[in-house]
Amino acid sequence: MNLAYIPSPSTGVLHLGPVPLRGYAFCIIIGVFAAVWLGNRRWVARGGRAGTVADIAVWAVPFGLVGGRLYHVITDYELYFGEGRNWVDSFKIWEGGLGIWGAVALGAVGAWIGCRRRGIPLPAWADAVAPGIAVAQAIGRWGNWFNQELYGKPTDLPWALKIDADPGIGRVAGTYHPTFLYESLWCLGVAALVIWADRRFKLGHGRAFALYVAAYTVGRFWTEYLRVDDAHHVLGLRLNGWTSILVFIAAVVYMVVSARKVPGREAVVEPGVSDAAPDESGSDVKDASPAKPADAPKSAGGPEAAKKL
């Protein structure tokens, strides 16, 4: 008998009168705010204007949510269009089901639209928000904990996740690997890695974002191996496992080719911003106070008279 385990919430939703408050939705919302906050700090540190990250996120986030849901519904279509299923459930995003691959892909389209409207390079913006996206994923994974979903193989480890039975969806009670926790911690590590590498190697032109993608896929491949939920398999490997491999290769190739073609970091990330200089550390904003004039005007009244001019 396993005496130590991580308990699961008895319910993933609380009702404030007639209004349902869902843990999954809260995790997604908090993650978005964290990503925008961190992305804004990094964008300003690189010489951009405060608020630009949030303005572009207004485009990227809705596109990302739609893309994430589309990927989930397409790859798990039998949950919504099979016999005895209700296709209307495919729109119930609050019940869980967002695919990170679709979210990033279509979210990038939304970000491109926002960047184009502001006249700034998408790769520079992506570099700024990359660690924030990883943090958002780390927070968002706790939504799976609220829903008791996407857990791993049975285990009796002290940090096993206790799952309650639900015959309606075929869920068997027991203790399982908490893959949501593994991936959450991995994403925090990815965020730290990108911030460190960006400071150390001055990554630019989308390479910080590519590093985030490559590092994330390594952890995702591992957690996919542990998961026991239904999934499509190709040559004995889960579909998301193959996706992780292909995306990892693409990210590494992009980093290598980009470093050769456009080495270094962008000198200007947002045209028209002249009152702040980029901080090569990528974390703190430099003092943007106006420089003092080289020579103070001289007058017959001496220094005191000069101050009055």
C-alpha atoms as a PDB file:
ATOM      1  CA  MET A   1       0.000   0.000   0.000  1.00  0.00           C
ATOM      2  CA  ASN A   2       1.353   3.403  -0.990  1.00  0.00           C
ATOM      3  CA  LEU A   3       1.271   5.685   2.071  1.00  0.00           C
ATOM      4  CA  ALA A   4       2.862   8.726   0.392  1.00  0.00           C
ATOM      5  CA  TYR A   5       1.384  10.281  -2.713  1.00  0.00           C
ATOM      6  CA  ILE A   6       0.231  13.537  -4.280  1.00  0.00           C
ATOM      7  CA  PRO A   7      -3.539  13.897  -3.824  1.00  0.00           C
ATOM      8  CA  SER A   8      -5.754  15.004  -6.692  1.00  0.00           C
ATOM      9  CA  PRO A   9      -8.453  17.653  -6.255  1.00  0.00           C
ATOM     10  CA  SER A  10     -11.871  16.170  -5.617  1.00  0.00           C
ATOM     11  CA  THR A  11     -13.206  18.512  -8.298  1.00  0.00           C
ATOM     12  CA  GLY A  12     -11.729  20.727 -10.974  1.00  0.00           C
ATOM     13  CA  VAL A  13     -14.440  23.365 -10.720  1.00  0.00           C
ATOM     14  CA  LEU A  14     -15.888  25.546  -7.975  1.00  0.00           C
ATOM     15  CA  HIS A  15     -19.202  27.343  -8.350  1.00  0.00           C
ATOM     16  CA  LEU A  16     -19.562  30.963  -7.330  1.00  0.00           C
ATOM     17  CA  GLY A  17     -23.331  31.010  -7.473  1.00  0.00           C
ATOM     18  CA  PRO A  18     -24.206  30.190 -11.090  1.00  0.00           C
ATOM     19  CA  VAL A  19     -20.657  30.991 -12.274  1.00  0.00           C
ATOM     20  CA  PRO A  20     -18.269  28.001 -12.588  1.00  0.00           C
ATOM     21  CA  LEU A  21     -14.631  28.698 -11.689  1.00  0.00           C
ATOM     22  CA  ARG A  22     -12.498  26.077 -13.410  1.00  0.00           C
ATOM     23  CA  GLY A  23      -8.979  25.292 -12.256  1.00  0.00           C
ATOM     24  CA  TYR A  24      -7.836  24.480 -15.801  1.00  0.00           C
ATOM     25  CA  ALA A  25      -8.897  27.891 -17.090  1.00  0.00           C
ATOM     26  CA  PHE A  26      -7.271  29.680 -14.146  1.00  0.00           C
ATOM     27  CA  CYS A  27      -3.951  27.952 -14.826  1.00  0.00           C
ATOM     28  CA  ILE A  28      -4.048  28.998 -18.485  1.00  0.00           C
ATOM     29  CA  ILE A  29      -4.905  32.616 -17.598  1.00  0.00           C
ATOM     30  CA  ILE A  30      -2.221  32.897 -14.917  1.00  0.00           C
ATOM     31  CA  GLY A  31       0.308  31.403 -17.329  1.00  0.00           C
ATOM     32  CA  VAL A  32      -0.525  33.985 -19.996  1.00  0.00           C
ATOM     33  CA  PHE A  33      -0.071  36.853 -17.547  1.00  0.00           C
ATOM     34  CA  ALA A  34       3.267  35.430 -16.377  1.00  0.00           C
ATOM     35  CA  ALA A  35       4.494  35.074 -19.959  1.00  0.00           C
ATOM     36  CA  VAL A  36       3.527  38.654 -20.851  1.00  0.00           C
ATOM     37  CA  TRP A  37       5.115  40.050 -17.673  1.00  0.00           C
ATOM     38  CA  LEU A  38       8.438  38.274 -18.200  1.00  0.00           C
ATOM     39  CA  GLY A  39       8.402  38.921 -21.937  1.00  0.00           C
ATOM     40  CA  ASN A  40       7.809  42.624 -21.353  1.00  0.00           C
ATOM     41  CA  ARG A  41      10.826  42.872 -19.020  1.00  0.00           C
ATOM     42  CA  ARG A  42      13.065  41.172 -21.545  1.00  0.00           C
ATOM     43  CA  TRP A  43      11.704  43.241 -24.436  1.00  0.00           C
ATOM     44  CA  VAL A  44      12.345  46.540 -22.633  1.00  0.00           C
ATOM     45  CA  ALA A  45      15.821  45.334 -21.646  1.00  0.00           C
ATOM     46  CA  ARG A  46      16.580  44.806 -25.324  1.00  0.00           C
ATOM     47  CA  GLY A  47      15.548  48.324 -26.212  1.00  0.00           C
ATOM     48  CA  GLY A  48      11.858  47.898 -26.926  1.00  0.00           C
ATOM     49  CA  ARG A  49       8.926  49.900 -25.621  1.00  0.00           C
ATOM     50  CA  ALA A  50       7.001  48.797 -22.546  1.00  0.00           C
ATOM     51  CA  GLY A  51       3.599  47.421 -23.504  1.00  0.00           C
ATOM     52  CA  THR A  52       4.586  46.147 -26.941  1.00  0.00           C
ATOM     53  CA  VAL A  53       4.677  42.513 -25.799  1.00  0.00           C
ATOM     54  CA  ALA A  54       1.150  42.810 -24.400  1.00  0.00           C
ATOM     55  CA  ASP A  55      -0.110  44.504 -27.565  1.00  0.00           C
ATOM     56  CA  ILE A  56       1.163  41.662 -29.723  1.00  0.00           C
ATOM     57  CA  ALA A  57      -0.047  39.060 -27.227  1.00  0.00           C
ATOM     58  CA  VAL A  58      -3.571  40.330 -27.918  1.00  0.00           C
ATOM     59  CA  TRP A  59      -3.103  38.745 -31.347  1.00  0.00           C
ATOM     60  CA  ALA A  60      -0.939  35.769 -30.384  1.00  0.00           C
ATOM     61  CA  VAL A  61      -2.963  34.395 -27.443  1.00  0.00           C
ATOM     62  CA  PRO A  62      -6.349  33.983 -29.191  1.00  0.00           C
ATOM     63  CA  PHE A  63      -4.664  32.468 -32.232  1.00  0.00           C
ATOM     64  CA  GLY A  64      -2.694  30.164 -29.929  1.00  0.00           C
ATOM     65  CA  LEU A  65      -5.802  28.983 -28.083  1.00  0.00           C
ATOM     66  CA  VAL A  66      -7.560  28.205 -31.349  1.00  0.00           C
ATOM     67  CA  GLY A  67      -4.484  26.430 -32.712  1.00  0.00           C
ATOM     68  CA  GLY A  68      -4.017  24.404 -29.541  1.00  0.00           C
ATOM     69  CA  ARG A  69      -7.637  23.298 -29.573  1.00  0.00           C
ATOM     70  CA  LEU A  70      -7.569  22.446 -33.278  1.00  0.00           C
ATOM     71  CA  TYR A  71      -4.493  20.279 -32.841  1.00  0.00           C
ATOM     72  CA  HIS A  72      -6.104  18.428 -29.948  1.00  0.00           C
ATOM     73  CA  VAL A  73      -9.418  17.872 -31.742  1.00  0.00           C
ATOM     74  CA  ILE A  74      -7.746  16.746 -34.978  1.00  0.00           C
ATOM     75  CA  THR A  75      -5.352  14.315 -33.291  1.00  0.00           C
ATOM     76  CA  ASP A  76      -8.050  12.994 -30.911  1.00  0.00           C
ATOM     77  CA  TYR A  77     -11.050  13.299 -33.214  1.00  0.00           C
ATOM     78  CA  GLU A  78     -12.597  10.063 -31.966  1.00  0.00           C
ATOM     79  CA  LEU A  79     -13.315  11.776 -28.628  1.00  0.00           C
ATOM     80  CA  TYR A  80     -15.712  14.163 -30.351  1.00  0.00           C
ATOM     81  CA  PHE A  81     -16.848  12.560 -33.594  1.00  0.00           C
ATOM     82  CA  GLY A  82     -16.909   8.858 -32.777  1.00  0.00           C
ATOM     83  CA  GLU A  83     -19.974   6.765 -32.094  1.00  0.00           C
ATOM     84  CA  GLY A  84     -21.908   8.056 -29.104  1.00  0.00           C
ATOM     85  CA  ARG A  85     -19.895  11.289 -29.009  1.00  0.00           C
ATOM     86  CA  ASN A  86     -21.190  14.837 -29.202  1.00  0.00           C
ATOM     87  CA  TRP A  87     -19.261  17.074 -31.622  1.00  0.00           C
ATOM     88  CA  VAL A  88     -20.326  20.139 -29.617  1.00  0.00           C
ATOM     89  CA  ASP A  89     -17.892  19.011 -26.905  1.00  0.00           C
ATOM     90  CA  SER A  90     -15.027  19.908 -29.244  1.00  0.00           C
ATOM     91  CA  PHE A  91     -15.682  23.556 -28.404  1.00  0.00           C
ATOM     92  CA  LYS A  92     -15.550  23.058 -24.623  1.00  0.00           C
ATOM     93  CA  ILE A  93     -12.004  24.262 -24.171  1.00  0.00           C
ATOM     94  CA  TRP A  94     -12.544  24.794 -20.454  1.00  0.00           C
ATOM     95  CA  GLU A  95     -12.743  21.028 -19.949  1.00  0.00           C
ATOM     96  CA  GLY A  96      -9.147  20.615 -21.071  1.00  0.00           C
ATOM     97  CA  GLY A  97      -7.481  19.674 -24.317  1.00  0.00           C
ATOM     98  CA  LEU A  98      -4.891  22.047 -25.774  1.00  0.00           C
ATOM     99  CA  GLY A  99      -2.058  20.821 -27.985  1.00  0.00           C
ATOM    100  CA  ILE A 100       1.127  22.848 -27.504  1.00  0.00           C
ATOM    101  CA  TRP A 101       2.228  22.230 -31.086  1.00  0.00           C
ATOM    102  CA  GLY A 102      -0.896  23.810 -32.536  1.00  0.00           C
ATOM    103  CA  ALA A 103      -0.812  26.593 -29.954  1.00  0.00           C
ATOM    104  CA  VAL A 104       2.736  27.618 -30.861  1.00  0.00           C
ATOM    105  CA  ALA A 105       2.178  27.257 -34.620  1.00  0.00           C
ATOM    106  CA  LEU A 106      -1.013  29.294 -34.880  1.00  0.00           C
ATOM    107  CA  GLY A 107       0.080  31.588 -32.052  1.00  0.00           C
ATOM    108  CA  ALA A 108       3.097  32.460 -34.193  1.00  0.00           C
ATOM    109  CA  VAL A 109       0.738  33.489 -36.988  1.00  0.00           C
ATOM    110  CA  GLY A 110      -1.082  35.818 -34.616  1.00  0.00           C
ATOM    111  CA  ALA A 111       2.234  37.195 -33.342  1.00  0.00           C
ATOM    112  CA  TRP A 112       3.378  37.775 -36.929  1.00  0.00           C
ATOM    113  CA  ILE A 113       0.261  39.824 -37.608  1.00  0.00           C
ATOM    114  CA  GLY A 114       0.811  41.868 -34.455  1.00  0.00           C
ATOM    115  CA  CYS A 115       4.516  42.390 -35.188  1.00  0.00           C
ATOM    116  CA  ARG A 116       3.792  43.417 -38.767  1.00  0.00           C
ATOM    117  CA  ARG A 117       1.297  46.013 -37.569  1.00  0.00           C
ATOM    118  CA  ARG A 118       3.900  47.436 -35.183  1.00  0.00           C
ATOM    119  CA  GLY A 119       6.765  47.219 -37.655  1.00  0.00           C
ATOM    120  CA  ILE A 120       8.989  45.034 -35.493  1.00  0.00           C
ATOM    121  CA  PRO A 121      10.799  41.769 -36.320  1.00  0.00           C
ATOM    122  CA  LEU A 122       8.975  38.635 -35.219  1.00  0.00           C
ATOM    123  CA  PRO A 123      12.195  36.723 -34.341  1.00  0.00           C
ATOM    124  CA  ALA A 124      13.243  39.435 -31.868  1.00  0.00           C
ATOM    125  CA  TRP A 125       9.832  39.398 -30.201  1.00  0.00           C
ATOM    126  CA  ALA A 126       9.876  35.595 -30.067  1.00  0.00           C
ATOM    127  CA  ASP A 127      13.286  35.655 -28.370  1.00  0.00           C
ATOM    128  CA  ALA A 128      11.960  38.017 -25.718  1.00  0.00           C
ATOM    129  CA  VAL A 129       8.898  35.917 -24.862  1.00  0.00           C
ATOM    130  CA  ALA A 130      10.489  32.453 -25.168  1.00  0.00           C
ATOM    131  CA  PRO A 131      11.263  31.933 -21.447  1.00  0.00           C
ATOM    132  CA  GLY A 132       7.845  33.344 -20.554  1.00  0.00           C
ATOM    133  CA  ILE A 133       6.139  30.785 -22.782  1.00  0.00           C
ATOM    134  CA  ALA A 134       7.988  28.010 -20.948  1.00  0.00           C
ATOM    135  CA  VAL A 135       6.859  29.453 -17.600  1.00  0.00           C
ATOM    136  CA  ALA A 136       3.281  29.659 -18.926  1.00  0.00           C
ATOM    137  CA  GLN A 137       3.445  25.992 -19.878  1.00  0.00           C
ATOM    138  CA  ALA A 138       4.773  25.110 -16.424  1.00  0.00           C
ATOM    139  CA  ILE A 139       1.784  26.838 -14.826  1.00  0.00           C
ATOM    140  CA  GLY A 140      -0.705  25.561 -17.379  1.00  0.00           C
ATOM    141  CA  ARG A 141       0.240  21.926 -16.741  1.00  0.00           C
ATOM    142  CA  TRP A 142      -1.317  22.211 -13.299  1.00  0.00           C
ATOM    143  CA  GLY A 143      -4.637  22.464 -15.092  1.00  0.00           C
ATOM    144  CA  ASN A 144      -4.202  18.765 -15.906  1.00  0.00           C
ATOM    145  CA  TRP A 145      -3.858  18.112 -12.184  1.00  0.00           C
ATOM    146  CA  PHE A 146      -7.224  19.760 -11.560  1.00  0.00           C
ATOM    147  CA  ASN A 147      -8.783  17.616 -14.295  1.00  0.00           C
ATOM    148  CA  GLN A 148      -7.020  14.375 -13.246  1.00  0.00           C
ATOM    149  CA  GLU A 149      -5.749  13.782 -16.766  1.00  0.00           C
ATOM    150  CA  LEU A 150      -2.574  13.039 -18.725  1.00  0.00           C
ATOM    151  CA  TYR A 151      -0.915  11.046 -15.950  1.00  0.00           C
ATOM    152  CA  GLY A 152       1.714   8.377 -16.472  1.00  0.00           C
ATOM    153  CA  LYS A 153       2.219   4.711 -15.762  1.00  0.00           C
ATOM    154  CA  PRO A 154       1.288   3.145 -12.396  1.00  0.00           C
ATOM    155  CA  THR A 155       3.913   3.626  -9.692  1.00  0.00           C
ATOM    156  CA  ASP A 156       4.307   3.429  -5.920  1.00  0.00           C
ATOM    157  CA  LEU A 157       6.939   6.171  -5.670  1.00  0.00           C
ATOM    158  CA  PRO A 158       6.440   8.640  -2.794  1.00  0.00           C
ATOM    159  CA  TRP A 159       5.548  11.379  -5.282  1.00  0.00           C
ATOM    160  CA  ALA A 160       3.000   9.265  -7.151  1.00  0.00           C
ATOM    161  CA  LEU A 161      -0.249  10.961  -8.148  1.00  0.00           C
ATOM    162  CA  LYS A 162      -3.450   9.531  -6.701  1.00  0.00           C
ATOM    163  CA  ILE A 163      -6.198   9.271  -9.331  1.00  0.00           C
ATOM    164  CA  ASP A 164      -9.867   8.654  -8.564  1.00  0.00           C
ATOM    165  CA  ALA A 165     -11.957   6.204 -10.530  1.00  0.00           C
ATOM    166  CA  ASP A 166     -14.350   7.454 -13.199  1.00  0.00           C
ATOM    167  CA  PRO A 167     -16.112   4.595 -15.038  1.00  0.00           C
ATOM    168  CA  GLY A 168     -17.713   7.086 -17.410  1.00  0.00           C
ATOM    169  CA  ILE A 169     -14.386   7.756 -19.113  1.00  0.00           C
ATOM    170  CA  GLY A 170     -12.672   4.501 -18.209  1.00  0.00           C
ATOM    171  CA  ARG A 171     -10.425   6.014 -15.529  1.00  0.00           C
ATOM    172  CA  VAL A 172      -9.094   3.460 -13.048  1.00  0.00           C
ATOM    173  CA  ALA A 173      -8.249   4.464  -9.473  1.00  0.00           C
ATOM    174  CA  GLY A 174      -4.628   4.128  -8.436  1.00  0.00           C
ATOM    175  CA  THR A 175      -1.321   5.940  -8.079  1.00  0.00           C
ATOM    176  CA  TYR A 176       0.486   6.996 -11.236  1.00  0.00           C
ATOM    177  CA  HIS A 177       3.505   8.977 -12.412  1.00  0.00           C
ATOM    178  CA  PRO A 178       2.614  12.707 -12.159  1.00  0.00           C
ATOM    179  CA  THR A 179       3.668  13.571 -15.695  1.00  0.00           C
ATOM    180  CA  PHE A 180       2.016  16.978 -15.327  1.00  0.00           C
ATOM    181  CA  LEU A 181       4.508  17.721 -12.521  1.00  0.00           C
ATOM    182  CA  TYR A 182       7.466  16.338 -14.464  1.00  0.00           C
ATOM    183  CA  GLU A 183       6.676  18.520 -17.444  1.00  0.00           C
ATOM    184  CA  SER A 184       5.980  21.556 -15.258  1.00  0.00           C
ATOM    185  CA  LEU A 185       9.396  21.291 -13.601  1.00  0.00           C
ATOM    186  CA  TRP A 186      11.055  20.629 -16.947  1.00  0.00           C
ATOM    187  CA  CYS A 187       9.506  23.790 -18.411  1.00  0.00           C
ATOM    188  CA  LEU A 188      10.839  25.859 -15.509  1.00  0.00           C
ATOM    189  CA  GLY A 189      14.264  24.406 -16.235  1.00  0.00           C
ATOM    190  CA  VAL A 190      13.881  25.287 -19.925  1.00  0.00           C
ATOM    191  CA  ALA A 191      13.031  28.883 -18.999  1.00  0.00           C
ATOM    192  CA  ALA A 192      16.146  29.117 -16.811  1.00  0.00           C
ATOM    193  CA  LEU A 193      18.287  27.583 -19.575  1.00  0.00           C
ATOM    194  CA  VAL A 194      17.086  30.080 -22.199  1.00  0.00           C
ATOM    195  CA  ILE A 195      17.651  33.064 -19.901  1.00  0.00           C
ATOM    196  CA  TRP A 196      21.156  31.855 -19.041  1.00  0.00           C
ATOM    197  CA  ALA A 197      22.100  31.061 -22.649  1.00  0.00           C
ATOM    198  CA  ASP A 198      20.700  34.388 -23.845  1.00  0.00           C
ATOM    199  CA  ARG A 199      22.891  36.273 -21.366  1.00  0.00           C
ATOM    200  CA  ARG A 200      25.957  34.132 -22.045  1.00  0.00           C
ATOM    201  CA  PHE A 201      25.834  33.932 -25.843  1.00  0.00           C
ATOM    202  CA  LYS A 202      23.742  37.019 -26.771  1.00  0.00           C
ATOM    203  CA  LEU A 203      21.209  35.002 -28.760  1.00  0.00           C
ATOM    204  CA  GLY A 204      19.270  36.858 -31.411  1.00  0.00           C
ATOM    205  CA  HIS A 205      17.249  36.511 -34.627  1.00  0.00           C
ATOM    206  CA  GLY A 206      14.986  33.836 -33.153  1.00  0.00           C
ATOM    207  CA  ARG A 207      17.689  31.601 -31.697  1.00  0.00           C
ATOM    208  CA  ALA A 208      16.555  31.996 -28.082  1.00  0.00           C
ATOM    209  CA  PHE A 209      13.099  30.860 -29.157  1.00  0.00           C
ATOM    210  CA  ALA A 210      14.576  27.947 -31.113  1.00  0.00           C
ATOM    211  CA  LEU A 211      16.543  26.910 -28.021  1.00  0.00           C
ATOM    212  CA  TYR A 212      13.334  26.929 -25.997  1.00  0.00           C
ATOM    213  CA  VAL A 213      11.636  24.734 -28.612  1.00  0.00           C
ATOM    214  CA  ALA A 214      14.533  22.262 -28.793  1.00  0.00           C
ATOM    215  CA  ALA A 215      14.879  21.973 -25.013  1.00  0.00           C
ATOM    216  CA  TYR A 216      11.153  21.580 -24.470  1.00  0.00           C
ATOM    217  CA  THR A 217      10.815  18.779 -27.017  1.00  0.00           C
ATOM    218  CA  VAL A 218      13.434  16.704 -25.185  1.00  0.00           C
ATOM    219  CA  GLY A 219      11.379  16.732 -22.010  1.00  0.00           C
ATOM    220  CA  ARG A 220       8.128  16.256 -23.890  1.00  0.00           C
ATOM    221  CA  PHE A 221       9.488  13.123 -25.581  1.00  0.00           C
ATOM    222  CA  TRP A 222      10.321  11.678 -22.160  1.00  0.00           C
ATOM    223  CA  THR A 223       6.953  12.458 -20.572  1.00  0.00           C
ATOM    224  CA  GLU A 224       5.139  11.096 -23.638  1.00  0.00           C
ATOM    225  CA  TYR A 225       6.897   7.784 -23.049  1.00  0.00           C
ATOM    226  CA  LEU A 226       5.471   7.656 -19.517  1.00  0.00           C
ATOM    227  CA  ARG A 227       1.883   8.595 -20.360  1.00  0.00           C
ATOM    228  CA  VAL A 228      -0.824   5.938 -20.566  1.00  0.00           C
ATOM    229  CA  ASP A 229      -3.731   7.924 -22.025  1.00  0.00           C
ATOM    230  CA  ASP A 230      -5.029   6.894 -25.436  1.00  0.00           C
ATOM    231  CA  ALA A 231      -3.020   8.247 -28.358  1.00  0.00           C
ATOM    232  CA  HIS A 232      -2.328   7.510 -31.997  1.00  0.00           C
ATOM    233  CA  HIS A 233       0.831   5.484 -32.605  1.00  0.00           C
ATOM    234  CA  VAL A 234       3.106   5.458 -35.649  1.00  0.00           C
ATOM    235  CA  LEU A 235       5.643   2.626 -35.870  1.00  0.00           C
ATOM    236  CA  GLY A 236       5.098   1.895 -32.201  1.00  0.00           C
ATOM    237  CA  LEU A 237       5.730   5.478 -31.064  1.00  0.00           C
ATOM    238  CA  ARG A 238       3.109   7.958 -29.885  1.00  0.00           C
ATOM    239  CA  LEU A 239       2.290  10.700 -32.390  1.00  0.00           C
ATOM    240  CA  ASN A 240       3.493  13.421 -30.037  1.00  0.00           C
ATOM    241  CA  GLY A 241       6.765  11.557 -29.695  1.00  0.00           C
ATOM    242  CA  TRP A 242       7.357  11.763 -33.436  1.00  0.00           C
ATOM    243  CA  THR A 243       6.310  15.398 -33.404  1.00  0.00           C
ATOM    244  CA  SER A 244       8.868  16.102 -30.677  1.00  0.00           C
ATOM    245  CA  ILE A 245      11.634  14.492 -32.733  1.00  0.00           C
ATOM    246  CA  LEU A 246      10.797  16.415 -35.915  1.00  0.00           C
ATOM    247  CA  VAL A 247      10.371  19.738 -34.124  1.00  0.00           C
ATOM    248  CA  PHE A 248      13.649  19.222 -32.242  1.00  0.00           C
ATOM    249  CA  ILE A 249      15.526  18.644 -35.499  1.00  0.00           C
ATOM    250  CA  ALA A 250      13.931  21.705 -37.106  1.00  0.00           C
ATOM    251  CA  ALA A 251      14.827  23.908 -34.115  1.00  0.00           C
ATOM    252  CA  VAL A 252      18.463  22.777 -34.064  1.00  0.00           C
ATOM    253  CA  VAL A 253      18.827  23.259 -37.820  1.00  0.00           C
ATOM    254  CA  TYR A 254      17.368  26.765 -37.496  1.00  0.00           C
ATOM    255  CA  MET A 255      19.844  27.678 -34.750  1.00  0.00           C
ATOM    256  CA  VAL A 256      22.832  26.486 -36.784  1.00  0.00           C
ATOM    257  CA  VAL A 257      21.768  28.083 -40.086  1.00  0.00           C
ATOM    258  CA  SER A 258      20.645  31.321 -38.443  1.00  0.00           C
ATOM    259  CA  ALA A 259      23.915  31.696 -36.502  1.00  0.00           C
ATOM    260  CA  ARG A 260      25.860  31.440 -39.749  1.00  0.00           C
ATOM    261  CA  LYS A 261      23.687  33.810 -41.769  1.00  0.00           C
ATOM    262  CA  VAL A 262      22.938  36.488 -39.162  1.00  0.00           C
ATOM    263  CA  PRO A 263      25.311  36.141 -36.203  1.00  0.00           C
ATOM    264  CA  GLY A 264      24.880  38.241 -33.106  1.00  0.00           C
ATOM    265  CA  ARG A 265      21.801  40.016 -31.818  1.00  0.00           C
ATOM    266  CA  GLU A 266      19.565  42.651 -33.383  1.00  0.00           C
ATOM    267  CA  ALA A 267      20.859  46.186 -32.787  1.00  0.00           C
ATOM    268  CA  VAL A 268      17.328  47.619 -32.958  1.00  0.00           C
ATOM    269  CA  VAL A 269      14.248  45.630 -31.989  1.00  0.00           C
ATOM    270  CA  GLU A 270      11.642  48.391 -32.147  1.00  0.00           C
ATOM    271  CA  PRO A 271      12.058  51.341 -34.508  1.00  0.00           C
ATOM    272  CA  GLY A 272      11.383  54.757 -33.018  1.00  0.00           C
ATOM    273  CA  VAL A 273      12.487  53.890 -29.495  1.00  0.00           C
ATOM    274  CA  SER A 274      15.439  56.136 -28.762  1.00  0.00           C
ATOM    275  CA  ASP A 275      15.137  56.776 -25.030  1.00  0.00           C
ATOM    276  CA  ALA A 276      16.290  53.351 -23.882  1.00  0.00           C
ATOM    277  CA  ALA A 277      19.366  51.391 -24.802  1.00  0.00           C
ATOM    278  CA  PRO A 278      19.358  47.591 -25.052  1.00  0.00           C
ATOM    279  CA  ASP A 279      20.792  45.796 -22.036  1.00  0.00           C
ATOM    280  CA  GLU A 280      22.995  42.936 -23.150  1.00  0.00           C
ATOM    281  CA  SER A 281      22.201  41.031 -19.955  1.00  0.00           C
ATOM    282  CA  GLY A 282      18.661  40.508 -21.211  1.00  0.00           C
ATOM    283  CA  SER A 283      17.138  41.010 -17.784  1.00  0.00           C
ATOM    284  CA  ASP A 284      17.394  44.553 -16.454  1.00  0.00           C
ATOM    285  CA  VAL A 285      16.761  47.922 -18.051  1.00  0.00           C
ATOM    286  CA  LYS A 286      19.653  50.316 -18.215  1.00  0.00           C
ATOM    287  CA  ASP A 287      19.429  53.847 -16.954  1.00  0.00           C
ATOM    288  CA  ALA A 288      17.948  55.838 -19.827  1.00  0.00           C
ATOM    289  CA  SER A 289      18.329  59.286 -18.245  1.00  0.00           C
ATOM    290  CA  PRO A 290      19.500  62.008 -20.678  1.00  0.00           C
ATOM    291  CA  ALA A 291      23.198  62.598 -20.891  1.00  0.00           C
ATOM    292  CA  LYS A 292      24.637  65.787 -19.414  1.00  0.00           C
ATOM    293  CA  PRO A 293      25.946  68.381 -21.860  1.00  0.00           C
ATOM    294  CA  ALA A 294      29.636  68.270 -22.420  1.00  0.00           C
ATOM    295  CA  ASP A 295      30.220  71.949 -21.735  1.00  0.00           C
ATOM    296  CA  ALA A 296      28.068  74.214 -19.591  1.00  0.00           C
ATOM    297  CA  PRO A 297      27.502  77.669 -21.008  1.00  0.00           C
ATOM    298  CA  LYS A 298      29.809  80.257 -19.567  1.00  0.00           C
ATOM    299  CA  SER A 299      28.729  83.734 -18.605  1.00  0.00           C
ATOM    300  CA  ALA A 300      29.978  86.727 -16.731  1.00  0.00           C
ATOM    301  CA  GLY A 301      27.899  85.675 -13.732  1.00  0.00           C
ATOM    302  CA  GLY A 302      29.850  82.471 -13.241  1.00  0.00           C
ATOM    303  CA  PRO A 303      28.336  79.028 -12.506  1.00  0.00           C
ATOM    304  CA  GLU A 304      25.238  80.437 -10.779  1.00  0.00           C
ATOM    305  CA  ALA A 305      24.352  82.512 -13.811  1.00  0.00           C
ATOM    306  CA  ALA A 306      24.849  79.523 -16.076  1.00  0.00           C
ATOM    307  CA  LYS A 307      22.334  77.509 -14.070  1.00  0.00           C
ATOM    308  CA  LYS A 308      19.658  80.087 -14.773  1.00  0.00           C
ATOM    309  CA  LEU A 309      20.016  79.774 -18.568  1.00  0.00           C
END
